[in-house]
PDB file of N, CA and C in Angstrom:
ATOM      1  N   MET A   1      57.712  47.895 139.081  1.00  0.00           N
ATOM      2  CA  MET A   1      57.841  46.948 138.527  1.00  0.00           C
ATOM      3  C   MET A   1      56.797  46.150 137.560  1.00  0.00           C
ATOM      4  N   SER A   2      56.802  45.463 136.975  1.00  0.00           N
ATOM      5  CA  SER A   2      55.864  44.937 135.635  1.00  0.00           C
ATOM      6  C   SER A   2      56.195  43.493 135.560  1.00  0.00           C
ATOM      7  N   ASP A   3      55.630  43.415 134.471  1.00  0.00           N
ATOM      8  CA  ASP A   3      55.595  41.803 133.588  1.00  0.00           C
ATOM      9  C   ASP A   3      56.555  41.444 132.708  1.00  0.00           C
ATOM     10  N   ASP A   4      57.171  42.947 132.437  1.00  0.00           N
ATOM     11  CA  ASP A   4      58.002  43.050 131.082  1.00  0.00           C
ATOM     12  C   ASP A   4      57.442  43.449 129.953  1.00  0.00           C
ATOM     13  N   ALA A   5      56.179  43.765 130.132  1.00  0.00           N
ATOM     14  CA  ALA A   5      55.151  43.784 128.619  1.00  0.00           C
ATOM     15  C   ALA A   5      55.801  45.057 128.114  1.00  0.00           C
ATOM     16  N   GLY A   6      55.680  45.423 127.139  1.00  0.00           N
ATOM     17  CA  GLY A   6      56.338  46.361 126.212  1.00  0.00           C
ATOM     18  C   GLY A   6      56.161  47.788 126.669  1.00  0.00           C
ATOM     19  N   GLN A   7      54.883  48.004 126.903  1.00  0.00           N
ATOM     20  CA  GLN A   7      54.386  49.504 127.304  1.00  0.00           C
ATOM     21  C   GLN A   7      55.064  49.668 128.621  1.00  0.00           C
ATOM     22  N   PHE A   8      55.546  48.819 129.490  1.00  0.00           N
ATOM     23  CA  PHE A   8      56.232  48.809 130.755  1.00  0.00           C
ATOM     24  C   PHE A   8      57.594  49.129 130.724  1.00  0.00           C
ATOM     25  N   ARG A   9      58.617  48.747 129.591  1.00  0.00           N
ATOM     26  CA  ARG A   9      60.206  48.644 129.459  1.00  0.00           C
ATOM     27  C   ARG A   9      60.180  50.620 129.143  1.00  0.00           C
ATOM     28  N   VAL A  10      60.538  51.156 130.162  1.00  0.00           N
ATOM     29  CA  VAL A  10      60.422  52.358 130.238  1.00  0.00           C
ATOM     30  C   VAL A  10      61.529  53.107 131.595  1.00  0.00           C
ATOM     31  N   GLY A  11      62.901  52.803 131.017  1.00  0.00           N
ATOM     32  CA  GLY A  11      63.911  53.403 132.402  1.00  0.00           C
ATOM     33  C   GLY A  11      64.200  51.934 132.841  1.00  0.00           C
ATOM     34  N   THR A  12      64.647  52.180 133.894  1.00  0.00           N
ATOM     35  CA  THR A  12      65.616  50.856 134.654  1.00  0.00           C
ATOM     36  C   THR A  12      64.172  50.087 135.942  1.00  0.00           C
ATOM     37  N   HIS A  13      63.606  49.484 135.496  1.00  0.00           N
ATOM     38  CA  HIS A  13      62.663  48.537 136.311  1.00  0.00           C
ATOM     39  C   HIS A  13      62.989  47.098 136.781  1.00  0.00           C
ATOM     40  N   ALA A  14      62.365  46.743 137.706  1.00  0.00           N
ATOM     41  CA  ALA A  14      62.454  45.147 138.117  1.00  0.00           C
ATOM     42  C   ALA A  14      61.551  44.637 137.948  1.00  0.00           C
ATOM     43  N   LEU A  15      61.642  43.219 137.296  1.00  0.00           N
ATOM     44  CA  LEU A  15      60.383  42.190 136.987  1.00  0.00           C
ATOM     45  C   LEU A  15      59.903  41.581 138.412  1.00  0.00           C
ATOM     46  N   CYS A  16      58.268  41.702 138.299  1.00  0.00           N
ATOM     47  CA  CYS A  16      57.672  41.034 139.052  1.00  0.00           C
ATOM     48  C   CYS A  16      57.996  39.854 139.506  1.00  0.00           C
ATOM     49  N   TRP A  17      58.545  38.948 140.644  1.00  0.00           N
ATOM     50  CA  TRP A  17      59.012  37.598 140.657  1.00  0.00           C
ATOM     51  C   TRP A  17      58.003  36.994 140.420  1.00  0.00           C
ATOM     52  N   ILE A  18      56.879  36.855 141.067  1.00  0.00           N
ATOM     53  CA  ILE A  18      55.953  36.031 140.627  1.00  0.00           C
ATOM     54  C   ILE A  18      55.892  35.445 138.733  1.00  0.00           C
ATOM     55  N   HIS A  19      56.358  36.074 138.212  1.00  0.00           N
ATOM     56  CA  HIS A  19      56.253  36.115 136.428  1.00  0.00           C
ATOM     57  C   HIS A  19      57.719  35.300 136.375  1.00  0.00           C
ATOM     58  N   ALA A  20      58.620  35.121 136.890  1.00  0.00           N
ATOM     59  CA  ALA A  20      59.629  34.336 136.778  1.00  0.00           C
ATOM     60  C   ALA A  20      59.051  32.610 137.024  1.00  0.00           C
ATOM     61  N   GLU A  21      58.236  32.769 137.798  1.00  0.00           N
ATOM     62  CA  GLU A  21      57.864  30.968 137.563  1.00  0.00           C
ATOM     63  C   GLU A  21      57.531  31.006 136.222  1.00  0.00           C
ATOM     64  N   ARG A  22      56.850  31.867 135.566  1.00  0.00           N
ATOM     65  CA  ARG A  22      56.324  31.088 133.889  1.00  0.00           C
ATOM     66  C   ARG A  22      57.761  30.921 133.311  1.00  0.00           C
ATOM     67  N   LEU A  23      58.579  31.286 133.429  1.00  0.00           N
ATOM     68  CA  LEU A  23      60.225  30.923 132.672  1.00  0.00           C
ATOM     69  C   LEU A  23      60.177  29.401 132.784  1.00  0.00           C
ATOM     70  N   LEU A  24      59.782  28.848 133.778  1.00  0.00           N
ATOM     71  CA  LEU A  24      59.974  27.517 134.683  1.00  0.00           C
ATOM     72  C   LEU A  24      59.365  26.719 133.321  1.00  0.00           C
ATOM     73  N   HIS A  25      58.302  26.926 132.643  1.00  0.00           N
ATOM     74  CA  HIS A  25      57.623  26.252 131.670  1.00  0.00           C
ATOM     75  C   HIS A  25      58.350  26.317 130.250  1.00  0.00           C
ATOM     76  N   LYS A  26      59.429  27.171 130.214  1.00  0.00           N
ATOM     77  CA  LYS A  26      59.851  27.098 128.645  1.00  0.00           C
ATOM     78  C   LYS A  26      60.867  26.263 129.199  1.00  0.00           C
ATOM     79  N   LEU A  27      61.812  25.664 130.377  1.00  0.00           N
ATOM     80  CA  LEU A  27      62.606  24.859 130.612  1.00  0.00           C
ATOM     81  C   LEU A  27      62.149  23.093 129.838  1.00  0.00           C
ATOM     82  N   MET A  28      63.404  22.873 129.053  1.00  0.00           N
ATOM     83  CA  MET A  28      62.759  21.356 129.036  1.00  0.00           C
ATOM     84  C   MET A  28      63.869  20.480 129.446  1.00  0.00           C
ATOM     85  N   PRO A  29      63.461  19.759 130.650  1.00  0.00           N
ATOM     86  CA  PRO A  29      64.376  18.821 130.875  1.00  0.00           C
ATOM     87  C   PRO A  29      64.583  17.623 130.406  1.00  0.00           C
ATOM     88  N   ALA A  30      65.695  17.062 130.350  1.00  0.00           N
ATOM     89  CA  ALA A  30      66.031  15.924 129.481  1.00  0.00           C
ATOM     90  C   ALA A  30      65.788  14.756 130.546  1.00  0.00           C
ATOM     91  N   THR A  31      65.804  14.812 131.575  1.00  0.00           N
ATOM     92  CA  THR A  31      66.040  13.440 132.196  1.00  0.00           C
ATOM     93  C   THR A  31      64.985  13.760 133.566  1.00  0.00           C
ATOM     94  N   PRO A  32      64.496  12.180 133.672  1.00  0.00           N
ATOM     95  CA  PRO A  32      63.407  12.165 134.840  1.00  0.00           C
ATOM     96  C   PRO A  32      64.043  12.937 136.153  1.00  0.00           C
ATOM     97  N   GLY A  33      65.110  13.155 136.609  1.00  0.00           N
ATOM     98  CA  GLY A  33      65.798  13.813 137.600  1.00  0.00           C
ATOM     99  C   GLY A  33      65.337  15.542 137.382  1.00  0.00           C
ATOM    100  N   GLN A  34      65.922  15.691 136.180  1.00  0.00           N
ATOM    101  CA  GLN A  34      65.677  17.351 136.269  1.00  0.00           C
ATOM    102  C   GLN A  34      63.805  17.579 135.861  1.00  0.00           C
ATOM    103  N   VAL A  35      63.440  16.524 135.626  1.00  0.00           N
ATOM    104  CA  VAL A  35      61.577  16.991 135.721  1.00  0.00           C
ATOM    105  C   VAL A  35      61.622  17.371 137.319  1.00  0.00           C
ATOM    106  N   LYS A  36      62.094  16.291 137.551  1.00  0.00           N
ATOM    107  CA  LYS A  36      61.804  16.380 139.251  1.00  0.00           C
ATOM    108  C   LYS A  36      62.073  17.833 140.003  1.00  0.00           C
ATOM    109  N   HIS A  37      63.418  18.047 139.300  1.00  0.00           N
ATOM    110  CA  HIS A  37      63.888  19.551 140.071  1.00  0.00           C
ATOM    111  C   HIS A  37      62.763  20.684 139.473  1.00  0.00           C
ATOM    112  N   VAL A  38      62.679  20.520 138.491  1.00  0.00           N
ATOM    113  CA  VAL A  38      61.402  21.913 137.803  1.00  0.00           C
ATOM    114  C   VAL A  38      60.287  21.692 138.526  1.00  0.00           C
ATOM    115  N   ASP A  39      59.800  20.209 138.812  1.00  0.00           N
ATOM    116  CA  ASP A  39      58.384  20.259 139.468  1.00  0.00           C
ATOM    117  C   ASP A  39      58.826  20.941 140.893  1.00  0.00           C
ATOM    118  N   THR A  40      59.720  20.699 141.404  1.00  0.00           N
ATOM    119  CA  THR A  40      59.899  21.093 143.046  1.00  0.00           C
ATOM    120  C   THR A  40      60.339  22.747 142.883  1.00  0.00           C
ATOM    121  N   LEU A  41      60.721  23.134 142.008  1.00  0.00           N
ATOM    122  CA  LEU A  41      60.984  24.226 142.063  1.00  0.00           C
ATOM    123  C   LEU A  41      59.850  24.923 141.880  1.00  0.00           C
ATOM    124  N   ARG A  42      59.142  24.701 140.918  1.00  0.00           N
ATOM    125  CA  ARG A  42      57.477  25.450 140.766  1.00  0.00           C
ATOM    126  C   ARG A  42      56.609  25.306 141.958  1.00  0.00           C
ATOM    127  N   GLU A  43      56.790  24.083 142.386  1.00  0.00           N
ATOM    128  CA  GLU A  43      55.922  23.812 144.125  1.00  0.00           C
ATOM    129  C   GLU A  43      56.499  24.552 144.973  1.00  0.00           C
ATOM    130  N   LEU A  44      57.348  25.167 145.109  1.00  0.00           N
ATOM    131  CA  LEU A  44      58.246  25.751 145.914  1.00  0.00           C
ATOM    132  C   LEU A  44      57.965  27.389 145.669  1.00  0.00           C
ATOM    133  N   VAL A  45      58.076  27.697 144.603  1.00  0.00           N
ATOM    134  CA  VAL A  45      57.629  29.162 144.270  1.00  0.00           C
ATOM    135  C   VAL A  45      56.241  29.495 144.390  1.00  0.00           C
ATOM    136  N   LEU A  46      55.243  28.409 144.218  1.00  0.00           N
ATOM    137  CA  LEU A  46      53.988  28.534 144.507  1.00  0.00           C
ATOM    138  C   LEU A  46      53.673  28.778 145.914  1.00  0.00           C
ATOM    139  N   HIS A  47      54.311  27.942 146.859  1.00  0.00           N
ATOM    140  CA  HIS A  47      53.960  27.807 148.012  1.00  0.00           C
ATOM    141  C   HIS A  47      54.437  28.939 149.139  1.00  0.00           C
ATOM    142  N   PHE A  48      55.701  29.446 148.226  1.00  0.00           N
ATOM    143  CA  PHE A  48      56.139  31.035 148.854  1.00  0.00           C
ATOM    144  C   PHE A  48      54.892  32.187 148.039  1.00  0.00           C
ATOM    145  N   TYR A  49      54.353  32.192 146.899  1.00  0.00           N
ATOM    146  CA  TYR A  49      53.824  32.673 146.740  1.00  0.00           C
ATOM    147  C   TYR A  49      51.928  32.872 147.708  1.00  0.00           C
ATOM    148  N   LYS A  50      52.053  31.606 147.824  1.00  0.00           N
ATOM    149  CA  LYS A  50      50.552  31.492 148.609  1.00  0.00           C
ATOM    150  C   LYS A  50      50.877  32.054 149.939  1.00  0.00           C
ATOM    151  N   ALA A  51      52.437  31.825 150.717  1.00  0.00           N
ATOM    152  CA  ALA A  51      52.337  32.136 151.933  1.00  0.00           C
ATOM    153  C   ALA A  51      52.312  33.881 151.805  1.00  0.00           C
ATOM    154  N   LEU A  52      53.037  34.483 151.188  1.00  0.00           N
ATOM    155  CA  LEU A  52      52.904  36.161 150.886  1.00  0.00           C
ATOM    156  C   LEU A  52      51.508  36.329 150.874  1.00  0.00           C
ATOM    157  N   LYS A  53      50.912  35.836 150.237  1.00  0.00           N
ATOM    158  CA  LYS A  53      49.290  36.192 149.956  1.00  0.00           C
ATOM    159  C   LYS A  53      48.728  36.017 151.213  1.00  0.00           C
ATOM    160  N   SER A  54      48.784  35.008 151.787  1.00  0.00           N
ATOM    161  CA  SER A  54      48.110  34.904 153.472  1.00  0.00           C
ATOM    162  C   SER A  54      48.647  35.637 154.400  1.00  0.00           C
ATOM    163  N   LEU A  55      50.096  36.163 154.391  1.00  0.00           N
ATOM    164  CA  LEU A  55      50.500  37.185 155.509  1.00  0.00           C
ATOM    165  C   LEU A  55      49.724  38.656 154.880  1.00  0.00           C
ATOM    166  N   SER A  56      49.967  38.889 153.555  1.00  0.00           N
ATOM    167  CA  SER A  56      48.989  40.141 153.370  1.00  0.00           C
ATOM    168  C   SER A  56      47.738  40.613 153.593  1.00  0.00           C
ATOM    169  N   ALA A  57      46.962  39.475 153.432  1.00  0.00           N
ATOM    170  CA  ALA A  57      45.642  39.228 153.708  1.00  0.00           C
ATOM    171  C   ALA A  57      45.456  39.498 155.321  1.00  0.00           C
ATOM    172  N   LYS A  58      46.647  39.240 156.242  1.00  0.00           N
ATOM    173  CA  LYS A  58      46.218  39.356 157.648  1.00  0.00           C
ATOM    174  C   LYS A  58      46.488  40.701 157.871  1.00  0.00           C
ATOM    175  N   THR A  59      46.950  41.339 157.095  1.00  0.00           N
ATOM    176  CA  THR A  59      47.522  43.382 157.339  1.00  0.00           C
ATOM    177  C   THR A  59      46.541  43.886 156.966  1.00  0.00           C
TER     178      THR A  59
END
């Protein structure tokens, strides 16, 4: 896994899923409804990430 930095582009690899949230910043919603959807998705991703961190801290 990597964050897609050039030094990690060796062979077949997967991107770290949390870095996918960074792509949400590149979206340019055109309507208030689209803005709300992007904000909701960002909140869901971060909520999921916090839940995973909480689980890993307990193990």
